[in-house]
Amino acid sequence: MRIEIGDRFKGVIAAAVESGPYTSPEDVVPKGVVTGALGLFAADQPRHQALRDSIAEALADPRRLLPEEVDRALDAPLRAEGRE
């Protein structure tokens, strides 16, 4: 698989190769890093989908809430965890 890196990171990688102990871009970004990042991405997808579903459900709900009701609903999980 070939992965394109944006210009922002190309400069960072090139500088690391030029000035550091790295001999190639592959030394800077080994395959394991990409595999790990993709693993994290895949693990987050169910949470992201649940959030998208929740937003779509809220937008489809015809009820209108007062700002105070929204604040209480958003604060509830924090109170439950004792972080408020």
N, C-alpha and C. Protein backbone atom coordinates (compact mmCIF):
# COMPACT_ATOMS: atom_id res chain seq x y z
N MET A 1 0.84 -1.17 0.00
CA MET A 1 0.00 0.00 0.00
C MET A 1 0.89 1.24 0.00
N ARG A 2 0.47 2.21 -0.74
CA ARG A 2 1.20 3.47 -0.80
C ARG A 2 0.37 4.53 -0.10
N ILE A 3 1.01 5.28 0.79
CA ILE A 3 0.31 6.31 1.55
C ILE A 3 0.93 7.65 1.22
N GLU A 4 0.09 8.61 0.83
CA GLU A 4 0.56 9.96 0.53
C GLU A 4 0.61 10.78 1.81
N ILE A 5 1.68 11.50 1.99
CA ILE A 5 1.84 12.38 3.14
C ILE A 5 1.76 13.81 2.63
N GLY A 6 1.00 14.63 3.34
CA GLY A 6 0.82 16.01 2.93
C GLY A 6 2.11 16.80 3.01
N ASP A 7 2.12 17.94 2.33
CA ASP A 7 3.31 18.81 2.28
C ASP A 7 3.80 19.20 3.67
N ARG A 8 2.87 19.40 4.58
CA ARG A 8 3.24 19.79 5.95
C ARG A 8 4.22 18.79 6.56
N PHE A 9 3.96 17.52 6.37
CA PHE A 9 4.79 16.49 6.99
C PHE A 9 5.98 16.10 6.13
N LYS A 10 5.89 16.32 4.84
CA LYS A 10 7.04 16.02 3.98
C LYS A 10 8.25 16.81 4.41
N GLY A 11 8.05 18.09 4.74
CA GLY A 11 9.16 18.93 5.20
C GLY A 11 9.72 18.45 6.52
N VAL A 12 8.86 18.04 7.42
CA VAL A 12 9.30 17.53 8.72
C VAL A 12 10.15 16.28 8.54
N ILE A 13 9.69 15.40 7.69
CA ILE A 13 10.41 14.14 7.45
C ILE A 13 11.74 14.42 6.75
N ALA A 14 11.73 15.30 5.75
CA ALA A 14 12.97 15.63 5.04
C ALA A 14 13.98 16.25 6.00
N ALA A 15 13.55 17.12 6.87
CA ALA A 15 14.46 17.74 7.84
C ALA A 15 15.03 16.71 8.80
N ALA A 16 14.22 15.75 9.19
CA ALA A 16 14.71 14.70 10.10
C ALA A 16 15.78 13.85 9.42
N VAL A 17 15.59 13.57 8.14
CA VAL A 17 16.58 12.78 7.40
C VAL A 17 17.86 13.57 7.21
N GLU A 18 17.72 14.85 6.89
CA GLU A 18 18.90 15.69 6.63
C GLU A 18 19.71 15.97 7.89
N SER A 19 19.05 16.15 9.01
CA SER A 19 19.78 16.60 10.19
C SER A 19 19.88 15.58 11.32
N GLY A 20 19.17 14.51 11.20
CA GLY A 20 19.12 13.57 12.31
C GLY A 20 19.78 12.24 11.99
N PRO A 21 19.52 11.30 12.86
CA PRO A 21 20.12 9.97 12.69
C PRO A 21 19.40 9.09 11.68
N TYR A 22 18.41 9.64 11.01
CA TYR A 22 17.61 8.85 10.07
C TYR A 22 18.28 8.83 8.70
N THR A 23 18.23 7.69 8.06
CA THR A 23 18.85 7.57 6.74
C THR A 23 17.84 7.61 5.60
N SER A 24 16.55 7.50 5.94
CA SER A 24 15.50 7.51 4.91
C SER A 24 14.17 7.91 5.54
N PRO A 25 13.23 8.31 4.72
CA PRO A 25 11.90 8.61 5.25
C PRO A 25 11.27 7.41 5.96
N GLU A 26 11.58 6.21 5.48
CA GLU A 26 11.03 5.01 6.11
C GLU A 26 11.56 4.82 7.53
N ASP A 27 12.77 5.34 7.80
CA ASP A 27 13.29 5.28 9.16
C ASP A 27 12.53 6.24 10.07
N VAL A 28 12.08 7.36 9.52
CA VAL A 28 11.35 8.36 10.31
C VAL A 28 9.95 7.85 10.62
N VAL A 29 9.29 7.28 9.62
CA VAL A 29 7.92 6.78 9.78
C VAL A 29 7.91 5.30 9.42
N PRO A 30 8.26 4.45 10.38
CA PRO A 30 8.27 3.02 10.09
C PRO A 30 6.86 2.47 9.88
N LYS A 31 6.77 1.34 9.23
CA LYS A 31 5.47 0.73 8.93
C LYS A 31 4.63 0.52 10.18
N GLY A 32 5.27 0.21 11.28
CA GLY A 32 4.53 -0.02 12.52
C GLY A 32 3.76 1.19 12.98
N VAL A 33 4.28 2.38 12.71
CA VAL A 33 3.58 3.61 13.09
C VAL A 33 2.30 3.73 12.28
N VAL A 34 2.39 3.47 11.00
CA VAL A 34 1.21 3.56 10.14
C VAL A 34 0.19 2.51 10.56
N THR A 35 0.65 1.30 10.82
CA THR A 35 -0.24 0.23 11.26
C THR A 35 -0.93 0.61 12.57
N GLY A 36 -0.16 1.16 13.51
CA GLY A 36 -0.74 1.57 14.78
C GLY A 36 -1.76 2.68 14.62
N ALA A 37 -1.45 3.65 13.76
CA ALA A 37 -2.38 4.76 13.53
C ALA A 37 -3.67 4.25 12.89
N LEU A 38 -3.54 3.33 11.95
CA LEU A 38 -4.73 2.78 11.31
C LEU A 38 -5.55 1.94 12.29
N GLY A 39 -4.87 1.27 13.22
CA GLY A 39 -5.57 0.51 14.25
C GLY A 39 -6.40 1.43 15.14
N LEU A 40 -5.82 2.57 15.53
CA LEU A 40 -6.55 3.54 16.34
C LEU A 40 -7.73 4.12 15.56
N PHE A 41 -7.49 4.41 14.30
CA PHE A 41 -8.55 4.93 13.44
C PHE A 41 -9.71 3.94 13.38
N ALA A 42 -9.41 2.67 13.14
CA ALA A 42 -10.45 1.64 13.03
C ALA A 42 -11.19 1.47 14.36
N ALA A 43 -10.48 1.56 15.47
CA ALA A 43 -11.11 1.39 16.78
C ALA A 43 -12.07 2.54 17.08
N ASP A 44 -11.78 3.73 16.57
CA ASP A 44 -12.63 4.89 16.82
C ASP A 44 -13.88 4.93 15.95
N GLN A 45 -13.91 4.18 14.88
CA GLN A 45 -15.02 4.27 13.93
C GLN A 45 -16.37 3.95 14.55
N PRO A 46 -16.51 2.92 15.40
CA PRO A 46 -17.83 2.68 16.00
C PRO A 46 -18.30 3.87 16.86
N ARG A 47 -17.40 4.50 17.60
CA ARG A 47 -17.77 5.66 18.41
C ARG A 47 -18.18 6.83 17.52
N HIS A 48 -17.43 7.03 16.44
CA HIS A 48 -17.78 8.12 15.52
C HIS A 48 -19.14 7.87 14.87
N GLN A 49 -19.41 6.63 14.50
CA GLN A 49 -20.70 6.32 13.89
C GLN A 49 -21.81 6.52 14.90
N ALA A 50 -21.60 6.11 16.14
CA ALA A 50 -22.61 6.31 17.19
C ALA A 50 -22.89 7.79 17.39
N LEU A 51 -21.84 8.60 17.34
CA LEU A 51 -22.03 10.05 17.48
C LEU A 51 -22.80 10.62 16.30
N ARG A 52 -22.45 10.18 15.07
CA ARG A 52 -23.19 10.64 13.90
C ARG A 52 -24.67 10.23 13.99
N ASP A 53 -24.92 8.99 14.44
CA ASP A 53 -26.29 8.52 14.58
C ASP A 53 -27.05 9.34 15.62
N SER A 54 -26.38 9.64 16.73
CA SER A 54 -27.00 10.42 17.79
C SER A 54 -27.33 11.84 17.32
N ILE A 55 -26.43 12.43 16.57
CA ILE A 55 -26.67 13.77 16.03
C ILE A 55 -27.85 13.74 15.06
N ALA A 56 -27.87 12.75 14.18
CA ALA A 56 -28.97 12.64 13.21
C ALA A 56 -30.31 12.45 13.94
N GLU A 57 -30.31 11.63 14.98
CA GLU A 57 -31.53 11.41 15.76
C GLU A 57 -31.98 12.71 16.43
N ALA A 58 -31.03 13.45 16.99
CA ALA A 58 -31.38 14.71 17.66
C ALA A 58 -31.92 15.73 16.66
N LEU A 59 -31.32 15.78 15.48
CA LEU A 59 -31.79 16.73 14.48
C LEU A 59 -33.18 16.37 13.96
N ALA A 60 -33.50 15.09 13.96
CA ALA A 60 -34.81 14.64 13.47
C ALA A 60 -35.90 14.80 14.53
N ASP A 61 -35.52 15.00 15.79
CA ASP A 61 -36.48 15.13 16.89
C ASP A 61 -37.18 16.48 16.79
N PRO A 62 -38.51 16.50 16.71
CA PRO A 62 -39.22 17.77 16.56
C PRO A 62 -39.28 18.59 17.85
N ARG A 63 -38.94 18.00 18.99
CA ARG A 63 -38.99 18.76 20.24
C ARG A 63 -37.90 19.83 20.25
N ARG A 64 -38.18 20.93 20.87
CA ARG A 64 -37.20 22.01 21.02
C ARG A 64 -36.86 22.13 22.49
N LEU A 65 -35.59 22.15 22.79
CA LEU A 65 -35.14 22.25 24.18
C LEU A 65 -34.63 23.64 24.48
N LEU A 66 -34.75 24.01 25.72
CA LEU A 66 -34.18 25.26 26.18
C LEU A 66 -32.67 25.07 26.37
N PRO A 67 -31.89 26.12 26.22
CA PRO A 67 -30.44 26.00 26.40
C PRO A 67 -30.06 25.38 27.75
N GLU A 68 -30.83 25.68 28.80
CA GLU A 68 -30.53 25.11 30.12
C GLU A 68 -30.71 23.59 30.12
N GLU A 69 -31.70 23.11 29.38
CA GLU A 69 -31.94 21.67 29.30
C GLU A 69 -30.78 20.97 28.58
N VAL A 70 -30.28 21.61 27.53
CA VAL A 70 -29.14 21.06 26.80
C VAL A 70 -27.92 21.02 27.71
N ASP A 71 -27.68 22.11 28.44
CA ASP A 71 -26.53 22.15 29.36
C ASP A 71 -26.62 21.04 30.40
N ARG A 72 -27.81 20.85 30.97
CA ARG A 72 -27.97 19.79 31.98
C ARG A 72 -27.70 18.42 31.37
N ALA A 73 -28.20 18.19 30.17
CA ALA A 73 -27.99 16.89 29.52
C ALA A 73 -26.51 16.65 29.22
N LEU A 74 -25.81 17.69 28.80
CA LEU A 74 -24.39 17.54 28.48
C LEU A 74 -23.55 17.37 29.75
N ASP A 75 -23.99 17.99 30.85
CA ASP A 75 -23.24 17.90 32.10
C ASP A 75 -23.49 16.59 32.84
N ALA A 76 -24.58 15.92 32.55
CA ALA A 76 -24.95 14.70 33.28
C ALA A 76 -23.85 13.64 33.29
N PRO A 77 -23.23 13.33 32.14
CA PRO A 77 -22.16 12.31 32.19
C PRO A 77 -20.98 12.73 33.06
N LEU A 78 -20.67 14.02 33.07
CA LEU A 78 -19.58 14.50 33.92
C LEU A 78 -19.92 14.36 35.39
N ARG A 79 -21.17 14.66 35.74
CA ARG A 79 -21.60 14.50 37.14
C ARG A 79 -21.54 13.04 37.54
N ALA A 80 -21.94 12.16 36.64
CA ALA A 80 -21.94 10.73 36.93
C ALA A 80 -20.52 10.21 37.19
N GLU A 81 -19.55 10.81 36.50
CA GLU A 81 -18.15 10.42 36.68
C GLU A 81 -17.48 11.18 37.81
N GLY A 82 -18.21 12.14 38.40
CA GLY A 82 -17.64 12.93 39.49
C GLY A 82 -16.62 13.94 39.02
N ARG A 83 -16.71 14.38 37.77
CA ARG A 83 -15.72 15.32 37.23
C ARG A 83 -16.24 16.75 37.19
N GLU A 84 -17.42 16.98 37.65
CA GLU A 84 -17.93 18.35 37.60
C GLU A 84 -17.59 19.10 38.86
